[in-house]
């Protein structure tokens, strides 16, 4: 198909972020279990199947990491996430985000 050939050429030329390639990936995922199927292959791991219309649940625990790095309050964190998130942000050199009043949220 033309879209696939065009995408391959873009990738070969080093252009790794392209609307054409992302659109092709969406087409593949949408067709992975048929248009009317109740599940689809995960865009992140082809071994994982997700239910259509539900929020992504892969990788396991990603929602906890997102809440933790964003400093979002709430209960239900695993016990091994007891270190103050400011300490972790400082260790990975992104503590300026707190001073800028930015919070981590996964981009989708």
PDB file of N, CA and C in Angstrom:
ATOM      1  N   UNK A   1       0.841  -1.173   0.000  1.00  0.00           N
ATOM      2  CA  UNK A   1       0.000   0.000   0.000  1.00  0.00           C
ATOM      3  C   UNK A   1       0.889   1.238   0.000  1.00  0.00           C
ATOM      4  N   UNK A   2       0.434   2.282  -0.626  1.00  0.00           N
ATOM      5  CA  UNK A   2       1.242   3.498  -0.797  1.00  0.00           C
ATOM      6  C   UNK A   2       1.656   4.126   0.530  1.00  0.00           C
ATOM      7  N   UNK A   3       0.723   4.123   1.462  1.00  0.00           N
ATOM      8  CA  UNK A   3       1.014   4.730   2.770  1.00  0.00           C
ATOM      9  C   UNK A   3       2.181   4.012   3.454  1.00  0.00           C
ATOM     10  N   UNK A   4       2.187   2.690   3.384  1.00  0.00           N
ATOM     11  CA  UNK A   4       3.265   1.915   3.998  1.00  0.00           C
ATOM     12  C   UNK A   4       4.604   2.202   3.322  1.00  0.00           C
ATOM     13  N   UNK A   5       4.623   2.247   2.008  1.00  0.00           N
ATOM     14  CA  UNK A   5       5.865   2.537   1.273  1.00  0.00           C
ATOM     15  C   UNK A   5       6.375   3.927   1.632  1.00  0.00           C
ATOM     16  N   UNK A   6       5.465   4.886   1.669  1.00  0.00           N
ATOM     17  CA  UNK A   6       5.846   6.255   2.021  1.00  0.00           C
ATOM     18  C   UNK A   6       6.414   6.305   3.438  1.00  0.00           C
ATOM     19  N   UNK A   7       5.759   5.620   4.364  1.00  0.00           N
ATOM     20  CA  UNK A   7       6.227   5.584   5.748  1.00  0.00           C
ATOM     21  C   UNK A   7       7.605   4.939   5.836  1.00  0.00           C
ATOM     22  N   UNK A   8       7.794   3.812   5.159  1.00  0.00           N
ATOM     23  CA  UNK A   8       9.104   3.144   5.172  1.00  0.00           C
ATOM     24  C   UNK A   8      10.208   4.072   4.666  1.00  0.00           C
ATOM     25  N   UNK A   9       9.919   4.807   3.612  1.00  0.00           N
ATOM     26  CA  UNK A   9      10.912   5.740   3.078  1.00  0.00           C
ATOM     27  C   UNK A   9      11.220   6.850   4.079  1.00  0.00           C
ATOM     28  N   UNK A  10      10.202   7.331   4.763  1.00  0.00           N
ATOM     29  CA  UNK A  10      10.428   8.349   5.788  1.00  0.00           C
ATOM     30  C   UNK A  10      11.329   7.801   6.902  1.00  0.00           C
ATOM     31  N   UNK A  11      11.028   6.582   7.350  1.00  0.00           N
ATOM     32  CA  UNK A  11      11.827   5.969   8.413  1.00  0.00           C
ATOM     33  C   UNK A  11      13.268   5.747   7.963  1.00  0.00           C
ATOM     34  N   UNK A  12      13.452   5.282   6.735  1.00  0.00           N
ATOM     35  CA  UNK A  12      14.809   5.061   6.202  1.00  0.00           C
ATOM     36  C   UNK A  12      15.596   6.360   6.126  1.00  0.00           C
ATOM     37  N   UNK A  13      14.893   7.464   5.886  1.00  0.00           N
ATOM     38  CA  UNK A  13      15.572   8.758   5.786  1.00  0.00           C
ATOM     39  C   UNK A  13      15.844   9.379   7.154  1.00  0.00           C
ATOM     40  N   UNK A  14      15.393   8.683   8.215  1.00  0.00           N
ATOM     41  CA  UNK A  14      15.658   9.182   9.563  1.00  0.00           C
ATOM     42  C   UNK A  14      14.520   9.968  10.180  1.00  0.00           C
ATOM     43  N   UNK A  15      13.449  10.150   9.452  1.00  0.00           N
ATOM     44  CA  UNK A  15      12.300  10.877  10.007  1.00  0.00           C
ATOM     45  C   UNK A  15      11.449   9.876  10.794  1.00  0.00           C
ATOM     46  N   UNK A  16      11.605   9.899  12.110  1.00  0.00           N
ATOM     47  CA  UNK A  16      10.974   8.906  12.965  1.00  0.00           C
ATOM     48  C   UNK A  16       9.619   9.339  13.508  1.00  0.00           C
ATOM     49  N   UNK A  17       9.265  10.583  13.311  1.00  0.00           N
ATOM     50  CA  UNK A  17       7.980  11.089  13.787  1.00  0.00           C
ATOM     51  C   UNK A  17       7.244  11.692  12.596  1.00  0.00           C
ATOM     52  N   UNK A  18       6.236  10.980  12.134  1.00  0.00           N
ATOM     53  CA  UNK A  18       5.524  11.424  10.947  1.00  0.00           C
ATOM     54  C   UNK A  18       4.035  11.134  11.093  1.00  0.00           C
ATOM     55  N   UNK A  19       3.183  12.089  10.745  1.00  0.00           N
ATOM     56  CA  UNK A  19       1.739  11.844  10.786  1.00  0.00           C
ATOM     57  C   UNK A  19       1.331  10.654   9.911  1.00  0.00           C
ATOM     58  N   UNK A  20       2.003  10.465   8.791  1.00  0.00           N
ATOM     59  CA  UNK A  20       1.683   9.350   7.901  1.00  0.00           C
ATOM     60  C   UNK A  20       1.928   8.016   8.605  1.00  0.00           C
ATOM     61  N   UNK A  21       3.065   7.888   9.273  1.00  0.00           N
ATOM     62  CA  UNK A  21       3.390   6.641   9.968  1.00  0.00           C
ATOM     63  C   UNK A  21       2.478   6.418  11.176  1.00  0.00           C
ATOM     64  N   UNK A  22       2.167   7.474  11.908  1.00  0.00           N
ATOM     65  CA  UNK A  22       1.261   7.338  13.044  1.00  0.00           C
ATOM     66  C   UNK A  22      -0.133   6.934  12.560  1.00  0.00           C
ATOM     67  N   UNK A  23      -0.560   7.492  11.439  1.00  0.00           N
ATOM     68  CA  UNK A  23      -1.854   7.142  10.870  1.00  0.00           C
ATOM     69  C   UNK A  23      -1.873   5.672  10.443  1.00  0.00           C
ATOM     70  N   UNK A  24      -0.771   5.215   9.856  1.00  0.00           N
ATOM     71  CA  UNK A  24      -0.653   3.811   9.460  1.00  0.00           C
ATOM     72  C   UNK A  24      -0.723   2.899  10.682  1.00  0.00           C
ATOM     73  N   UNK A  25      -0.039   3.272  11.737  1.00  0.00           N
ATOM     74  CA  UNK A  25      -0.085   2.490  12.968  1.00  0.00           C
ATOM     75  C   UNK A  25      -1.505   2.436  13.535  1.00  0.00           C
ATOM     76  N   UNK A  26      -2.203   3.555  13.519  1.00  0.00           N
ATOM     77  CA  UNK A  26      -3.595   3.573  13.974  1.00  0.00           C
ATOM     78  C   UNK A  26      -4.451   2.627  13.134  1.00  0.00           C
ATOM     79  N   UNK A  27      -4.233   2.622  11.815  1.00  0.00           N
ATOM     80  CA  UNK A  27      -4.991   1.724  10.943  1.00  0.00           C
ATOM     81  C   UNK A  27      -4.743   0.263  11.301  1.00  0.00           C
ATOM     82  N   UNK A  28      -3.496  -0.069  11.573  1.00  0.00           N
ATOM     83  CA  UNK A  28      -3.137  -1.446  11.921  1.00  0.00           C
ATOM     84  C   UNK A  28      -3.804  -1.850  13.231  1.00  0.00           C
ATOM     85  N   UNK A  29      -3.718  -0.992  14.234  1.00  0.00           N
ATOM     86  CA  UNK A  29      -4.328  -1.292  15.528  1.00  0.00           C
ATOM     87  C   UNK A  29      -5.837  -1.426  15.390  1.00  0.00           C
ATOM     88  N   UNK A  30      -6.464  -0.513  14.650  1.00  0.00           N
ATOM     89  CA  UNK A  30      -7.916  -0.552  14.481  1.00  0.00           C
ATOM     90  C   UNK A  30      -8.389  -1.836  13.802  1.00  0.00           C
ATOM     91  N   UNK A  31      -7.571  -2.372  12.911  1.00  0.00           N
ATOM     92  CA  UNK A  31      -7.956  -3.573  12.171  1.00  0.00           C
ATOM     93  C   UNK A  31      -7.442  -4.860  12.820  1.00  0.00           C
ATOM     94  N   UNK A  32      -6.746  -4.768  13.933  1.00  0.00           N
ATOM     95  CA  UNK A  32      -6.058  -5.925  14.505  1.00  0.00           C
ATOM     96  C   UNK A  32      -6.983  -7.064  14.912  1.00  0.00           C
ATOM     97  N   UNK A  33      -8.216  -6.763  15.248  1.00  0.00           N
ATOM     98  CA  UNK A  33      -9.156  -7.816  15.637  1.00  0.00           C
ATOM     99  C   UNK A  33     -10.487  -7.585  14.931  1.00  0.00           C
ATOM    100  N   UNK A  34     -10.405  -6.951  13.774  1.00  0.00           N
ATOM    101  CA  UNK A  34     -11.602  -6.622  13.017  1.00  0.00           C
ATOM    102  C   UNK A  34     -12.224  -5.332  13.513  1.00  0.00           C
ATOM    103  N   UNK A  35     -12.887  -4.631  12.631  1.00  0.00           N
ATOM    104  CA  UNK A  35     -13.467  -3.336  13.001  1.00  0.00           C
ATOM    105  C   UNK A  35     -14.514  -3.457  14.092  1.00  0.00           C
ATOM    106  N   UNK A  36     -15.196  -4.573  14.164  1.00  0.00           N
ATOM    107  CA  UNK A  36     -16.261  -4.729  15.154  1.00  0.00           C
ATOM    108  C   UNK A  36     -15.822  -5.576  16.338  1.00  0.00           C
ATOM    109  N   UNK A  37     -14.546  -5.923  16.374  1.00  0.00           N
ATOM    110  CA  UNK A  37     -14.053  -6.724  17.493  1.00  0.00           C
ATOM    111  C   UNK A  37     -14.115  -5.961  18.805  1.00  0.00           C
ATOM    112  N   UNK A  38     -14.212  -6.686  19.899  1.00  0.00           N
ATOM    113  CA  UNK A  38     -14.301  -6.055  21.215  1.00  0.00           C
ATOM    114  C   UNK A  38     -12.936  -5.732  21.796  1.00  0.00           C
ATOM    115  N   UNK A  39     -11.874  -6.181  21.126  1.00  0.00           N
ATOM    116  CA  UNK A  39     -10.517  -5.901  21.611  1.00  0.00           C
ATOM    117  C   UNK A  39      -9.637  -5.482  20.447  1.00  0.00           C
ATOM    118  N   UNK A  40      -8.487  -4.955  20.787  1.00  0.00           N
ATOM    119  CA  UNK A  40      -7.505  -4.548  19.779  1.00  0.00           C
ATOM    120  C   UNK A  40      -6.121  -4.753  20.359  1.00  0.00           C
ATOM    121  N   UNK A  41      -5.142  -4.857  19.494  1.00  0.00           N
ATOM    122  CA  UNK A  41      -3.777  -5.048  19.947  1.00  0.00           C
ATOM    123  C   UNK A  41      -3.274  -3.734  20.560  1.00  0.00           C
ATOM    124  N   UNK A  42      -2.440  -3.840  21.577  1.00  0.00           N
ATOM    125  CA  UNK A  42      -1.874  -2.645  22.211  1.00  0.00           C
ATOM    126  C   UNK A  42      -0.893  -1.980  21.257  1.00  0.00           C
ATOM    127  N   UNK A  43      -0.955  -0.685  21.211  1.00  0.00           N
ATOM    128  CA  UNK A  43      -0.028   0.079  20.372  1.00  0.00           C
ATOM    129  C   UNK A  43       1.408  -0.018  20.904  1.00  0.00           C
ATOM    130  N   UNK A  44       1.560  -0.396  22.168  1.00  0.00           N
ATOM    131  CA  UNK A  44       2.868  -0.443  22.807  1.00  0.00           C
ATOM    132  C   UNK A  44       3.491  -1.827  22.846  1.00  0.00           C
ATOM    133  N   UNK A  45       2.672  -2.872  22.799  1.00  0.00           N
ATOM    134  CA  UNK A  45       3.197  -4.234  22.931  1.00  0.00           C
ATOM    135  C   UNK A  45       2.239  -5.187  22.227  1.00  0.00           C
ATOM    136  N   UNK A  46       2.696  -5.801  21.156  1.00  0.00           N
ATOM    137  CA  UNK A  46       1.798  -6.651  20.363  1.00  0.00           C
ATOM    138  C   UNK A  46       1.414  -7.953  21.057  1.00  0.00           C
ATOM    139  N   UNK A  47       1.950  -8.203  22.241  1.00  0.00           N
ATOM    140  CA  UNK A  47       1.543  -9.371  23.026  1.00  0.00           C
ATOM    141  C   UNK A  47       0.327  -9.075  23.895  1.00  0.00           C
ATOM    142  N   UNK A  48      -0.029  -7.813  23.999  1.00  0.00           N
ATOM    143  CA  UNK A  48      -1.105  -7.371  24.887  1.00  0.00           C
ATOM    144  C   UNK A  48      -2.333  -6.993  24.056  1.00  0.00           C
ATOM    145  N   UNK A  49      -3.495  -7.423  24.528  1.00  0.00           N
ATOM    146  CA  UNK A  49      -4.763  -7.049  23.904  1.00  0.00           C
ATOM    147  C   UNK A  49      -5.550  -6.183  24.872  1.00  0.00           C
ATOM    148  N   UNK A  50      -6.136  -5.118  24.349  1.00  0.00           N
ATOM    149  CA  UNK A  50      -6.898  -4.179  25.162  1.00  0.00           C
ATOM    150  C   UNK A  50      -8.347  -4.159  24.700  1.00  0.00           C
ATOM    151  N   UNK A  51      -9.261  -3.890  25.620  1.00  0.00           N
ATOM    152  CA  UNK A  51     -10.667  -3.776  25.258  1.00  0.00           C
ATOM    153  C   UNK A  51     -10.901  -2.419  24.601  1.00  0.00           C
ATOM    154  N   UNK A  52     -11.637  -2.426  23.517  1.00  0.00           N
ATOM    155  CA  UNK A  52     -11.956  -1.166  22.824  1.00  0.00           C
ATOM    156  C   UNK A  52     -12.775  -0.259  23.729  1.00  0.00           C
ATOM    157  N   UNK A  53     -12.512   1.038  23.633  1.00  0.00           N
ATOM    158  CA  UNK A  53     -13.293   2.008  24.371  1.00  0.00           C
ATOM    159  C   UNK A  53     -12.898   2.193  25.819  1.00  0.00           C
ATOM    160  N   UNK A  54     -11.916   1.424  26.297  1.00  0.00           N
ATOM    161  CA  UNK A  54     -11.456   1.583  27.678  1.00  0.00           C
ATOM    162  C   UNK A  54     -10.083   2.235  27.678  1.00  0.00           C
ATOM    163  N   UNK A  55      -9.749   2.865  28.795  1.00  0.00           N
ATOM    164  CA  UNK A  55      -8.447   3.505  28.876  1.00  0.00           C
ATOM    165  C   UNK A  55      -7.347   2.449  28.894  1.00  0.00           C
ATOM    166  N   UNK A  56      -6.204   2.840  28.416  1.00  0.00           N
ATOM    167  CA  UNK A  56      -5.055   1.944  28.315  1.00  0.00           C
ATOM    168  C   UNK A  56      -4.616   1.478  29.689  1.00  0.00           C
ATOM    169  N   UNK A  57      -4.294   0.220  29.788  1.00  0.00           N
ATOM    170  CA  UNK A  57      -3.872  -0.341  31.076  1.00  0.00           C
ATOM    171  C   UNK A  57      -2.456  -0.905  31.022  1.00  0.00           C
ATOM    172  N   UNK A  58      -1.701  -0.540  29.997  1.00  0.00           N
ATOM    173  CA  UNK A  58      -0.349  -1.064  29.839  1.00  0.00           C
ATOM    174  C   UNK A  58       0.623   0.089  29.833  1.00  0.00           C
ATOM    175  N   UNK A  59       1.781  -0.031  30.425  1.00  0.00           N
ATOM    176  CA  UNK A  59       2.252  -1.167  31.206  1.00  0.00           C
ATOM    177  C   UNK A  59       1.622  -1.165  32.594  1.00  0.00           C
ATOM    178  N   UNK A  60       1.578  -2.337  33.221  1.00  0.00           N
ATOM    179  CA  UNK A  60       0.992  -2.410  34.561  1.00  0.00           C
ATOM    180  C   UNK A  60       1.679  -1.428  35.516  1.00  0.00           C
ATOM    181  N   UNK A  61       0.888  -0.682  36.257  1.00  0.00           N
ATOM    182  CA  UNK A  61       1.428   0.266  37.229  1.00  0.00           C
ATOM    183  C   UNK A  61       1.704   1.653  36.686  1.00  0.00           C
ATOM    184  N   UNK A  62       1.513   1.873  35.384  1.00  0.00           N
ATOM    185  CA  UNK A  62       1.855   3.187  34.830  1.00  0.00           C
ATOM    186  C   UNK A  62       1.033   4.319  35.429  1.00  0.00           C
ATOM    187  N   UNK A  63      -0.189   4.040  35.809  1.00  0.00           N
ATOM    188  CA  UNK A  63      -1.018   5.094  36.405  1.00  0.00           C
ATOM    189  C   UNK A  63      -0.452   5.529  37.759  1.00  0.00           C
ATOM    190  N   UNK A  64       0.067   4.585  38.538  1.00  0.00           N
ATOM    191  CA  UNK A  64       0.692   4.935  39.822  1.00  0.00           C
ATOM    192  C   UNK A  64       1.925   5.794  39.609  1.00  0.00           C
ATOM    193  N   UNK A  65       2.743   5.443  38.630  1.00  0.00           N
ATOM    194  CA  UNK A  65       3.962   6.228  38.357  1.00  0.00           C
ATOM    195  C   UNK A  65       3.586   7.635  37.912  1.00  0.00           C
ATOM    196  N   UNK A  66       2.591   7.757  37.058  1.00  0.00           N
ATOM    197  CA  UNK A  66       2.154   9.073  36.594  1.00  0.00           C
ATOM    198  C   UNK A  66       1.651   9.938  37.756  1.00  0.00           C
ATOM    199  N   UNK A  67       0.816   9.353  38.612  1.00  0.00           N
ATOM    200  CA  UNK A  67       0.307  10.112  39.767  1.00  0.00           C
ATOM    201  C   UNK A  67       1.448  10.513  40.690  1.00  0.00           C
ATOM    202  N   UNK A  68       2.362   9.579  40.934  1.00  0.00           N
ATOM    203  CA  UNK A  68       3.481   9.822  41.847  1.00  0.00           C
ATOM    204  C   UNK A  68       4.383  10.935  41.328  1.00  0.00           C
ATOM    205  N   UNK A  69       4.844  10.830  40.074  1.00  0.00           N
ATOM    206  CA  UNK A  69       5.749  11.845  39.527  1.00  0.00           C
ATOM    207  C   UNK A  69       5.084  13.208  39.405  1.00  0.00           C
ATOM    208  N   UNK A  70       3.771  13.213  39.280  1.00  0.00           N
ATOM    209  CA  UNK A  70       3.048  14.476  39.198  1.00  0.00           C
ATOM    210  C   UNK A  70       2.746  15.076  40.560  1.00  0.00           C
ATOM    211  N   UNK A  71       3.041  14.313  41.622  1.00  0.00           N
ATOM    212  CA  UNK A  71       2.751  14.812  42.960  1.00  0.00           C
ATOM    213  C   UNK A  71       1.269  14.842  43.269  1.00  0.00           C
ATOM    214  N   UNK A  72       0.511  14.052  42.538  1.00  0.00           N
ATOM    215  CA  UNK A  72      -0.924  14.014  42.753  1.00  0.00           C
ATOM    216  C   UNK A  72      -1.208  13.256  44.036  1.00  0.00           C
ATOM    217  N   UNK A  73      -2.105  13.770  44.837  1.00  0.00           N
ATOM    218  CA  UNK A  73      -2.421  13.109  46.090  1.00  0.00           C
ATOM    219  C   UNK A  73      -3.451  12.020  45.856  1.00  0.00           C
ATOM    220  N   UNK A  74      -3.594  11.191  46.846  1.00  0.00           N
ATOM    221  CA  UNK A  74      -4.573  10.118  46.760  1.00  0.00           C
ATOM    222  C   UNK A  74      -4.082   8.896  47.491  1.00  0.00           C
ATOM    223  N   UNK A  75      -4.958   7.958  47.661  1.00  0.00           N
ATOM    224  CA  UNK A  75      -4.581   6.731  48.349  1.00  0.00           C
ATOM    225  C   UNK A  75      -4.362   5.640  47.316  1.00  0.00           C
ATOM    226  N   UNK A  76      -3.861   4.534  47.789  1.00  0.00           N
ATOM    227  CA  UNK A  76      -3.708   3.387  46.915  1.00  0.00           C
ATOM    228  C   UNK A  76      -2.341   3.229  46.291  1.00  0.00           C
ATOM    229  N   UNK A  77      -1.382   4.078  46.660  1.00  0.00           N
ATOM    230  CA  UNK A  77      -0.038   3.893  46.139  1.00  0.00           C
ATOM    231  C   UNK A  77       0.559   2.616  46.718  1.00  0.00           C
ATOM    232  N   UNK A  78       1.346   1.890  45.927  1.00  0.00           N
ATOM    233  CA  UNK A  78       2.047   0.731  46.486  1.00  0.00           C
ATOM    234  C   UNK A  78       2.987   1.176  47.605  1.00  0.00           C
ATOM    235  N   UNK A  79       3.230   0.300  48.561  1.00  0.00           N
ATOM    236  CA  UNK A  79       4.039   0.658  49.729  1.00  0.00           C
ATOM    237  C   UNK A  79       5.470   1.045  49.362  1.00  0.00           C
ATOM    238  N   UNK A  80       5.990   0.566  48.239  1.00  0.00           N
ATOM    239  CA  UNK A  80       7.362   0.901  47.874  1.00  0.00           C
ATOM    240  C   UNK A  80       7.472   2.268  47.202  1.00  0.00           C
ATOM    241  N   UNK A  81       6.386   3.020  47.153  1.00  0.00           N
ATOM    242  CA  UNK A  81       6.413   4.374  46.598  1.00  0.00           C
ATOM    243  C   UNK A  81       6.288   5.397  47.720  1.00  0.00           C
ATOM    244  N   UNK A  82       7.003   5.157  48.804  1.00  0.00           N
ATOM    245  CA  UNK A  82       6.871   6.011  49.979  1.00  0.00           C
ATOM    246  C   UNK A  82       7.885   7.162  50.011  1.00  0.00           C
ATOM    247  N   UNK A  83       8.829   7.209  49.103  1.00  0.00           N
ATOM    248  CA  UNK A  83       9.813   8.294  49.055  1.00  0.00           C
ATOM    249  C   UNK A  83       9.123   9.546  48.511  1.00  0.00           C
ATOM    250  N   UNK A  84       9.423  10.690  49.103  1.00  0.00           N
ATOM    251  CA  UNK A  84       8.836  11.941  48.656  1.00  0.00           C
ATOM    252  C   UNK A  84       9.146  12.157  47.172  1.00  0.00           C
ATOM    253  N   UNK A  85       8.144  12.465  46.403  1.00  0.00           N
ATOM    254  CA  UNK A  85       8.336  12.583  44.958  1.00  0.00           C
ATOM    255  C   UNK A  85       9.299  13.706  44.590  1.00  0.00           C
ATOM    256  N   UNK A  86       9.420  14.733  45.424  1.00  0.00           N
ATOM    257  CA  UNK A  86      10.394  15.804  45.156  1.00  0.00           C
ATOM    258  C   UNK A  86      11.816  15.241  45.077  1.00  0.00           C
ATOM    259  N   UNK A  87      12.123  14.281  45.952  1.00  0.00           N
ATOM    260  CA  UNK A  87      13.443  13.647  45.971  1.00  0.00           C
ATOM    261  C   UNK A  87      13.699  12.925  44.656  1.00  0.00           C
ATOM    262  N   UNK A  88      12.695  12.245  44.154  1.00  0.00           N
ATOM    263  CA  UNK A  88      12.840  11.514  42.900  1.00  0.00           C
ATOM    264  C   UNK A  88      12.994  12.489  41.738  1.00  0.00           C
ATOM    265  N   UNK A  89      12.181  13.541  41.704  1.00  0.00           N
ATOM    266  CA  UNK A  89      12.297  14.529  40.633  1.00  0.00           C
ATOM    267  C   UNK A  89      13.679  15.173  40.627  1.00  0.00           C
ATOM    268  N   UNK A  90      14.225  15.424  41.815  1.00  0.00           N
ATOM    269  CA  UNK A  90      15.568  15.986  41.901  1.00  0.00           C
ATOM    270  C   UNK A  90      16.596  14.991  41.363  1.00  0.00           C
ATOM    271  N   UNK A  91      16.432  13.713  41.678  1.00  0.00           N
ATOM    272  CA  UNK A  91      17.380  12.686  41.233  1.00  0.00           C
ATOM    273  C   UNK A  91      17.387  12.526  39.715  1.00  0.00           C
ATOM    274  N   UNK A  92      16.246  12.758  39.086  1.00  0.00           N
ATOM    275  CA  UNK A  92      16.208  12.632  37.622  1.00  0.00           C
ATOM    276  C   UNK A  92      16.282  14.003  36.934  1.00  0.00           C
ATOM    277  N   UNK A  93      16.686  15.014  37.711  1.00  0.00           N
ATOM    278  CA  UNK A  93      16.989  16.361  37.208  1.00  0.00           C
ATOM    279  C   UNK A  93      15.796  17.063  36.562  1.00  0.00           C
ATOM    280  N   UNK A  94      14.618  16.921  37.165  1.00  0.00           N
ATOM    281  CA  UNK A  94      13.438  17.624  36.663  1.00  0.00           C
ATOM    282  C   UNK A  94      12.711  18.373  37.773  1.00  0.00           C
ATOM    283  N   UNK A  95      13.413  18.672  38.848  1.00  0.00           N
ATOM    284  CA  UNK A  95      12.760  19.347  39.971  1.00  0.00           C
ATOM    285  C   UNK A  95      12.376  20.791  39.643  1.00  0.00           C
ATOM    286  N   UNK A  96      12.920  21.348  38.562  1.00  0.00           N
ATOM    287  CA  UNK A  96      12.523  22.702  38.165  1.00  0.00           C
ATOM    288  C   UNK A  96      11.042  22.748  37.815  1.00  0.00           C
ATOM    289  N   UNK A  97      10.492  21.597  37.453  1.00  0.00           N
ATOM    290  CA  UNK A  97       9.073  21.554  37.089  1.00  0.00           C
ATOM    291  C   UNK A  97       8.191  21.946  38.269  1.00  0.00           C
ATOM    292  N   UNK A  98       8.608  21.607  39.484  1.00  0.00           N
ATOM    293  CA  UNK A  98       7.824  21.955  40.671  1.00  0.00           C
ATOM    294  C   UNK A  98       7.825  23.472  40.852  1.00  0.00           C
ATOM    295  N   UNK A  99       9.000  24.089  40.684  1.00  0.00           N
ATOM    296  CA  UNK A  99       9.093  25.546  40.827  1.00  0.00           C
ATOM    297  C   UNK A  99       8.270  26.259  39.745  1.00  0.00           C
ATOM    298  N   UNK A 100       8.152  25.633  38.578  1.00  0.00           N
ATOM    299  CA  UNK A 100       7.376  26.221  37.484  1.00  0.00           C
ATOM    300  C   UNK A 100       5.892  25.870  37.591  1.00  0.00           C
ATOM    301  N   UNK A 101       5.543  25.180  38.676  1.00  0.00           N
ATOM    302  CA  UNK A 101       4.163  24.755  38.922  1.00  0.00           C
ATOM    303  C   UNK A 101       3.629  23.856  37.807  1.00  0.00           C
ATOM    304  N   UNK A 102       4.530  23.001  37.316  1.00  0.00           N
ATOM    305  CA  UNK A 102       4.136  22.007  36.319  1.00  0.00           C
ATOM    306  C   UNK A 102       4.001  20.661  37.003  1.00  0.00           C
ATOM    307  N   UNK A 103       3.086  19.856  36.531  1.00  0.00           N
ATOM    308  CA  UNK A 103       2.890  18.506  37.070  1.00  0.00           C
ATOM    309  C   UNK A 103       2.996  17.511  35.936  1.00  0.00           C
ATOM    310  N   UNK A 104       3.597  16.392  36.263  1.00  0.00           N
ATOM    311  CA  UNK A 104       3.739  15.338  35.267  1.00  0.00           C
ATOM    312  C   UNK A 104       2.388  14.749  34.909  1.00  0.00           C
ATOM    313  N   UNK A 105       2.139  14.625  33.622  1.00  0.00           N
ATOM    314  CA  UNK A 105       0.985  13.900  33.106  1.00  0.00           C
ATOM    315  C   UNK A 105       1.445  13.228  31.826  1.00  0.00           C
ATOM    316  N   UNK A 106       1.019  11.994  31.645  1.00  0.00           N
ATOM    317  CA  UNK A 106       1.391  11.276  30.435  1.00  0.00           C
ATOM    318  C   UNK A 106       0.767  11.955  29.230  1.00  0.00           C
ATOM    319  N   UNK A 107       1.552  12.092  28.185  1.00  0.00           N
ATOM    320  CA  UNK A 107       0.976  12.612  26.953  1.00  0.00           C
ATOM    321  C   UNK A 107       0.396  11.439  26.165  1.00  0.00           C
ATOM    322  N   UNK A 108      -0.683  11.683  25.502  1.00  0.00           N
ATOM    323  CA  UNK A 108      -1.313  10.604  24.730  1.00  0.00           C
ATOM    324  C   UNK A 108      -1.579  11.081  23.328  1.00  0.00           C
TER     325      UNK A 108
END
